[in-house]
Every structure is written in C-alpha cells, then in structure tokens.
Protein backbone atom coordinates (compact mmCIF):
# COMPACT_ATOMS: atom_id res chain seq x y z
CA MET A 1 17.14 -14.59 14.00
CA SER A 2 13.48 -15.56 15.30
CA LEU A 3 10.82 -13.08 14.12
CA TYR A 4 7.51 -12.09 15.17
CA ARG A 5 5.19 -11.60 12.21
CA ILE A 6 2.08 -9.08 12.54
CA ILE A 7 -0.10 -8.44 9.63
CA SER A 8 -2.86 -5.80 9.32
CA ALA A 9 -5.46 -6.10 6.70
CA ASN A 10 -8.79 -4.17 5.97
CA LEU A 11 -11.06 -6.82 4.45
CA ASN A 12 -13.92 -4.53 3.19
CA GLY A 13 -16.06 -7.54 4.29
CA ILE A 14 -14.70 -10.66 5.79
CA ARG A 15 -17.18 -12.81 3.81
CA SER A 16 -15.94 -11.28 0.43
CA ALA A 17 -12.22 -11.51 1.39
CA ALA A 18 -13.02 -15.29 2.08
CA ASN A 19 -14.40 -15.66 -1.27
CA LYS A 20 -11.16 -13.98 -2.81
CA GLY A 21 -8.70 -16.52 -1.33
CA PHE A 22 -7.58 -14.57 1.70
CA TYR A 23 -7.66 -17.66 3.95
CA PRO A 24 -5.33 -20.00 1.75
CA TRP A 25 -3.27 -16.79 1.66
CA LEU A 26 -3.39 -16.47 5.32
CA GLN A 27 -2.14 -20.12 5.75
CA GLN A 28 1.11 -19.48 3.93
CA GLN A 29 2.24 -16.29 5.83
CA ASN A 30 3.51 -17.61 9.17
CA ALA A 31 1.95 -14.69 10.77
CA ASP A 32 1.85 -14.78 14.70
CA ILE A 33 -1.15 -11.96 14.64
CA VAL A 34 -3.37 -10.97 12.00
CA CYS A 35 -5.26 -7.68 12.95
CA MET A 36 -8.42 -7.34 10.61
CA GLN A 37 -10.69 -4.27 9.97
CA GLU A 38 -14.09 -3.74 8.37
CA LEU A 39 -15.34 -7.07 8.73
CA LYS A 40 -18.86 -6.28 7.70
CA ALA A 41 -20.04 -9.07 9.75
CA GLN A 42 -21.88 -10.21 13.01
CA LEU A 43 -21.42 -13.52 14.72
CA ALA A 44 -24.09 -15.31 12.82
CA ASP A 45 -22.45 -14.29 9.48
CA MET A 46 -19.06 -16.02 10.47
CA THR A 47 -18.11 -19.59 9.42
CA PRO A 48 -16.10 -21.74 11.43
CA GLU A 49 -12.83 -20.89 9.39
CA MET A 50 -13.40 -16.91 10.03
CA LEU A 51 -14.12 -17.75 13.59
CA ASN A 52 -10.87 -19.95 14.14
CA PRO A 53 -8.80 -20.52 11.10
CA GLU A 54 -6.37 -23.42 11.39
CA GLY A 55 -3.84 -22.67 13.96
CA TYR A 56 -5.28 -19.52 15.32
CA PHE A 57 -7.78 -18.31 18.14
CA GLY A 58 -9.96 -15.72 16.68
CA TYR A 59 -11.28 -12.52 18.79
CA PHE A 60 -13.79 -10.06 17.21
CA HIS A 61 -15.72 -6.68 18.01
CA TYR A 62 -18.75 -6.39 16.00
CA ALA A 63 -20.74 -3.34 14.91
CA GLU A 64 -24.33 -3.11 16.29
CA LYS A 65 -25.36 -2.37 12.68
CA LYS A 66 -25.43 -5.01 10.03
CA GLY A 67 -22.78 -5.29 7.25
CA TYR A 68 -20.73 -2.66 8.62
CA SER A 69 -17.26 -1.78 10.37
CA GLY A 70 -16.04 -4.22 12.96
CA VAL A 71 -12.70 -5.50 13.83
CA GLY A 72 -10.91 -8.61 14.64
CA ILE A 73 -7.68 -10.53 15.62
CA TYR A 74 -6.21 -14.03 14.88
CA THR A 75 -3.59 -15.19 16.91
CA ARG A 76 -1.57 -18.12 17.58
CA VAL A 77 -1.27 -17.95 21.23
CA GLN A 78 -4.20 -17.04 23.52
CA PRO A 79 -4.03 -13.83 25.01
CA ASP A 80 -3.95 -13.14 28.83
CA ALA A 81 -6.57 -10.59 28.40
CA VAL A 82 -8.96 -9.38 26.05
CA ILE A 83 -10.39 -5.76 25.63
CA VAL A 84 -13.24 -5.09 23.33
CA GLY A 85 -13.74 -1.60 22.59
CA LEU A 86 -12.92 1.87 24.33
CA GLY A 87 -15.57 2.04 27.07
CA ILE A 88 -17.06 4.89 24.84
CA ALA A 89 -20.55 4.03 23.60
CA ASP A 90 -20.97 5.74 20.19
CA ILE A 91 -17.71 4.52 19.09
CA ASP A 92 -18.02 0.94 20.47
CA ALA A 93 -21.25 0.62 18.62
CA GLU A 94 -19.26 0.75 15.34
CA GLY A 95 -16.82 -2.10 16.39
CA ARG A 96 -13.72 -0.03 15.99
CA TYR A 97 -11.27 -1.20 18.77
CA LEU A 98 -10.08 -4.52 20.10
CA GLU A 99 -7.00 -5.17 22.50
CA LEU A 100 -5.44 -8.32 22.97
CA GLN A 101 -2.54 -8.47 25.78
CA PHE A 102 0.20 -10.92 26.12
CA GLY A 103 2.27 -10.37 28.93
CA ASN A 104 3.57 -6.89 28.56
CA LEU A 105 2.52 -6.49 24.97
CA SER A 106 -0.53 -5.21 23.93
CA VAL A 107 -1.76 -5.66 20.16
CA VAL A 108 -4.68 -3.56 18.84
CA SER A 109 -7.19 -3.73 15.96
CA LEU A 110 -8.20 -0.37 15.21
CA TYR A 111 -10.58 0.88 12.32
CA LEU A 112 -10.95 4.78 12.65
CA PRO A 113 -14.00 6.34 10.99
CA SER A 114 -13.93 7.82 7.44
CA GLY A 115 -15.28 11.27 7.00
CA SER A 116 -15.48 10.98 3.13
CA SER A 117 -19.52 10.48 3.06
CA GLY A 118 -20.28 13.89 4.16
CA GLU A 119 -19.90 16.61 7.01
CA GLU A 120 -21.73 14.33 9.58
CA ARG A 121 -19.46 11.59 9.25
CA GLN A 122 -16.33 13.95 9.31
CA ALA A 123 -17.61 15.43 12.32
CA PHE A 124 -17.88 12.25 14.18
CA LYS A 125 -14.41 11.23 12.86
CA PHE A 126 -13.12 14.46 14.32
CA SER A 127 -15.03 13.71 17.43
CA VAL A 128 -13.50 10.18 17.81
CA MET A 129 -9.93 11.47 17.05
CA THR A 130 -10.43 13.83 19.90
CA ARG A 131 -11.42 10.97 22.49
CA PHE A 132 -9.22 8.68 21.07
CA LEU A 133 -6.16 10.83 21.52
CA VAL A 134 -6.86 10.60 25.19
CA HIS A 135 -6.53 6.94 25.24
CA LEU A 136 -3.42 7.05 23.11
CA GLU A 137 -1.90 9.19 25.55
CA ALA A 138 -2.58 6.96 28.48
CA LEU A 139 -1.68 4.00 26.63
CA ARG A 140 1.87 5.54 25.73
CA ALA A 141 2.09 6.63 29.49
CA ALA A 142 1.48 2.90 30.65
CA GLY A 143 5.13 1.45 30.11
CA ARG A 144 3.76 -1.25 28.05
CA ASP A 145 4.67 -2.63 24.57
CA VAL A 146 2.06 -1.62 22.12
CA VAL A 147 1.28 -1.86 18.66
CA ILE A 148 -1.78 -0.44 16.99
CA CYS A 149 -2.49 -2.04 13.51
CA GLY A 150 -5.43 -0.60 11.18
CA ASP A 151 -7.03 1.66 9.05
CA TRP A 152 -6.39 5.20 10.45
CA ASN A 153 -8.18 6.66 7.26
CA ILE A 154 -5.40 9.22 7.41
CA ALA A 155 -2.75 9.74 4.81
CA HIS A 156 -0.02 11.60 7.01
CA LYS A 157 2.28 13.25 4.56
CA GLU A 158 2.47 14.22 0.70
CA ALA A 159 4.50 10.94 0.13
CA ASP A 160 1.70 8.96 1.29
CA LEU A 161 -0.77 9.57 -1.33
CA LYS A 162 -0.52 10.22 -5.12
CA ASN A 163 -2.45 12.74 -5.59
CA TRP A 164 -2.00 14.77 -2.75
CA LYS A 165 -2.52 18.28 -4.34
CA GLY A 166 -6.06 17.66 -5.24
CA ASN A 167 -6.67 16.26 -2.03
CA LYS A 168 -5.73 18.81 0.52
CA LYS A 169 -9.60 19.79 1.28
CA ASN A 170 -10.70 16.00 1.14
CA SER A 171 -11.43 13.73 4.38
CA GLY A 172 -8.07 11.77 5.09
CA PHE A 173 -5.66 14.47 3.95
CA LEU A 174 -7.30 17.58 5.90
CA PRO A 175 -4.76 19.60 7.64
CA GLU A 176 -6.45 19.04 10.87
CA GLU A 177 -5.96 15.17 10.24
CA ARG A 178 -2.43 15.33 9.34
CA ALA A 179 -1.76 17.91 12.33
CA TRP A 180 -3.39 14.94 14.79
CA LEU A 181 -1.04 12.49 13.26
CA THR A 182 1.93 14.55 13.69
CA ASP A 183 0.93 15.18 17.16
CA LEU A 184 0.85 11.51 18.06
CA PHE A 185 4.07 10.89 16.45
CA ASP A 186 6.11 14.07 17.79
CA ARG A 187 4.50 15.04 21.12
CA VAL A 188 2.88 11.77 22.31
CA GLY A 189 5.81 9.81 21.08
CA TRP A 190 4.22 6.92 19.22
CA VAL A 191 6.11 5.66 16.01
CA ASP A 192 5.06 4.99 12.39
CA VAL A 193 7.15 1.87 12.13
CA TYR A 194 6.84 1.52 8.28
CA ARG A 195 7.95 4.99 7.74
CA VAL A 196 11.12 3.91 10.21
CA LEU A 197 12.05 1.12 7.73
CA HIS A 198 10.92 2.79 4.53
CA PRO A 199 11.44 6.60 5.06
CA ASP A 200 11.57 7.61 1.34
CA THR A 201 8.93 5.17 -0.13
CA THR A 202 6.30 7.08 -2.14
CA ASP A 203 4.60 4.93 -4.80
CA GLU A 204 5.31 1.61 -3.35
CA CYS A 205 3.72 2.77 0.13
CA TYR A 206 0.05 2.91 -0.57
CA THR A 207 -2.34 0.59 1.13
CA TRP A 208 -5.74 1.66 -0.40
CA TRP A 209 -7.05 2.39 -3.94
CA SER A 210 -10.37 3.95 -4.83
CA ASN A 211 -12.60 1.76 -6.55
CA ARG A 212 -13.27 4.72 -9.06
CA GLY A 213 -11.57 4.98 -12.05
CA GLN A 214 -8.45 3.32 -12.95
CA ALA A 215 -6.84 3.87 -9.40
CA TRP A 216 -5.58 0.24 -8.79
CA ALA A 217 -4.32 -0.08 -12.53
CA LYS A 218 -2.69 3.39 -12.24
CA ASN A 219 -1.55 2.92 -8.70
CA VAL A 220 -3.50 6.05 -7.60
CA GLY A 221 -3.35 5.14 -3.89
CA TRP A 222 -3.09 5.97 -0.43
CA ARG A 223 -0.95 4.89 2.64
CA ILE A 224 -3.69 4.75 5.35
CA ASP A 225 -3.13 1.53 6.75
CA TYR A 226 -0.33 1.69 9.45
CA GLN A 227 1.26 -0.28 12.52
CA ILE A 228 1.96 2.41 15.22
CA ALA A 229 3.81 1.28 18.25
CA THR A 230 5.75 2.50 21.11
CA PRO A 231 9.22 3.09 20.67
CA TYR A 232 10.86 -0.17 22.25
CA PHE A 233 8.66 -2.16 20.53
CA ALA A 234 8.78 -0.42 17.13
CA ALA A 235 12.77 -0.63 17.52
CA LYS A 236 12.33 -4.31 16.91
CA ALA A 237 10.95 -3.96 13.32
CA VAL A 238 13.12 -5.19 10.66
CA ALA A 239 11.21 -5.83 7.59
CA ALA A 240 7.79 -4.26 6.38
CA SER A 241 6.02 -5.07 3.20
CA ILE A 242 2.63 -4.44 1.48
CA TYR A 243 0.98 -7.56 -0.20
CA LYS A 244 -0.37 -6.68 -3.71
CA LEU A 245 0.03 -9.78 -5.63
CA GLU A 246 -3.67 -10.90 -4.95
CA ARG A 247 -6.51 -8.45 -4.06
CA PHE A 248 -8.61 -9.67 -1.14
CA SER A 249 -10.30 -5.92 -1.00
CA ASP A 250 -9.56 -2.37 -1.99
CA HIS A 251 -6.88 -2.34 0.86
CA ALA A 252 -3.67 -4.33 0.82
CA PRO A 253 -2.32 -6.26 3.65
CA LEU A 254 0.54 -4.52 5.60
CA ILE A 255 3.09 -7.10 6.95
CA ILE A 256 5.86 -6.49 9.53
CA ASP A 257 8.41 -8.55 11.26
CA TYR A 258 9.55 -7.57 14.49
CA GLN A 259 12.77 -9.31 16.45
CA ARG A 260 11.24 -11.42 19.33
C-alpha cells in the first residue's frame, strides 16, 4: 500500500528546532509534506537548509513582527498554487495561514492565536475564530480535498488534556472555544483525523507540554495540534502517531499516513 505522509510540527522557533536536531530527524521520516508553525523568523534569518531541506521545496508565511509566529510547508512536489494568508490584514500580519494546492488537494499550515497572555489576546483569538469559520465553511463547501495541519490552540474534550478540571476557565479549554470546534466538526463537517484513528486515547494523545513545573516529565499535556480534514480525505488515514523520542520544541510532531 502506497502511503502519503503528512507531518505537523510547531517548532517554537525554527532556528531553535534546527539546533535540536529537527533536520536530521526530518530526513528520516519519509514525509511527503511537513507543515510547520511558530517559525519565529523572517526570511533574513533562514539558512539554505531551513528554506529548502534536501529533497523538499519550502514555502513560508512570515509574521511582520520579528521573532514571532509564522508558518511554513515543506513539500517533495511543487504545488500548483500557493496561497499566502487569508486576505484579512490583521490576521495575515501575524503569519498564520499558508495553503498549497496539488490538483484537488489543499494542504494548509495553520497557527491559531493563543489567548493565554491576557484578555486582549483572547479577544483577538475569538475574533480570528469567528472570521476563520467563514473561510472554513467555504473551504468545506468547495468540493476539494483539504487537510489543515497545525496548532489550533484548543483542546477539544476532557480526554485531550491532563488537567481538564483545573483549566475550564483558561484559554485553550474555554467552553466557547470547545463549542467552536464541535460546531466545526458536527455542523460544518470537518473531521479530526487523529480522533478517528484513536477515539479513546487519553494520556498518549498530547502534543504540547508547558515549560512550567514538571509538565513534560509528568506528562501533564494538552492535545492542541491537529490534522483536520474534509471527510473523503480523512477517510484515507490509516495511521497516526505523535513523536516524543526527541524534543525539538514544547510541542511534539503529529504524523499521519494516508492512502494515496
């Protein structure tokens, strides 16, 4: 069976991840597409390896603010079209959306905002969610195969984070955020690919651990990195795993294999 491997990885700084061995690991993964978030870099900061690792073409959407946000995609095959940003100025200024089109397939690298730094950023997060939902509805209705890979900064259900009782009033697990994802799945019709393959996984599903305390050592994690796809493409998924043997950032790469 021929497989199509897609990886999503929040790097928390592409230069930092490079120093922690991300690129040697990447070369061993046999991935067709790698979606990255939180580059924390501009073009001038990028090395040739970061721009085009051996065997890959690189595409990026940098944030205007230095050392902040940004998304990228590595692909073995050059895309038919590249869409940088959503066409919404304040969102695009933060470098949060990059879409590559291959025939009828769109692959998106997404970095939704975090609201954990305060009320102002939480308000911006809600604003982005409201406006992004319109785009998600249109993408779903367009009839294309689409997979959106990235850091959604929301844990959907209680099984998706260790300390769910203590986080009910915290950004990333607010009732409004969780309801937004539920609406995305149940009404709009997108599919949480990892959850289809691993419906009952709890402690092993986490993709992010706070740098505070002993979160990593004690596995006090959150599942906030997803591959969310249209139903036909989601149904092709055959295996999903989270790579934790090495640490390139405070997130772990999410690896999903699809039938070609």
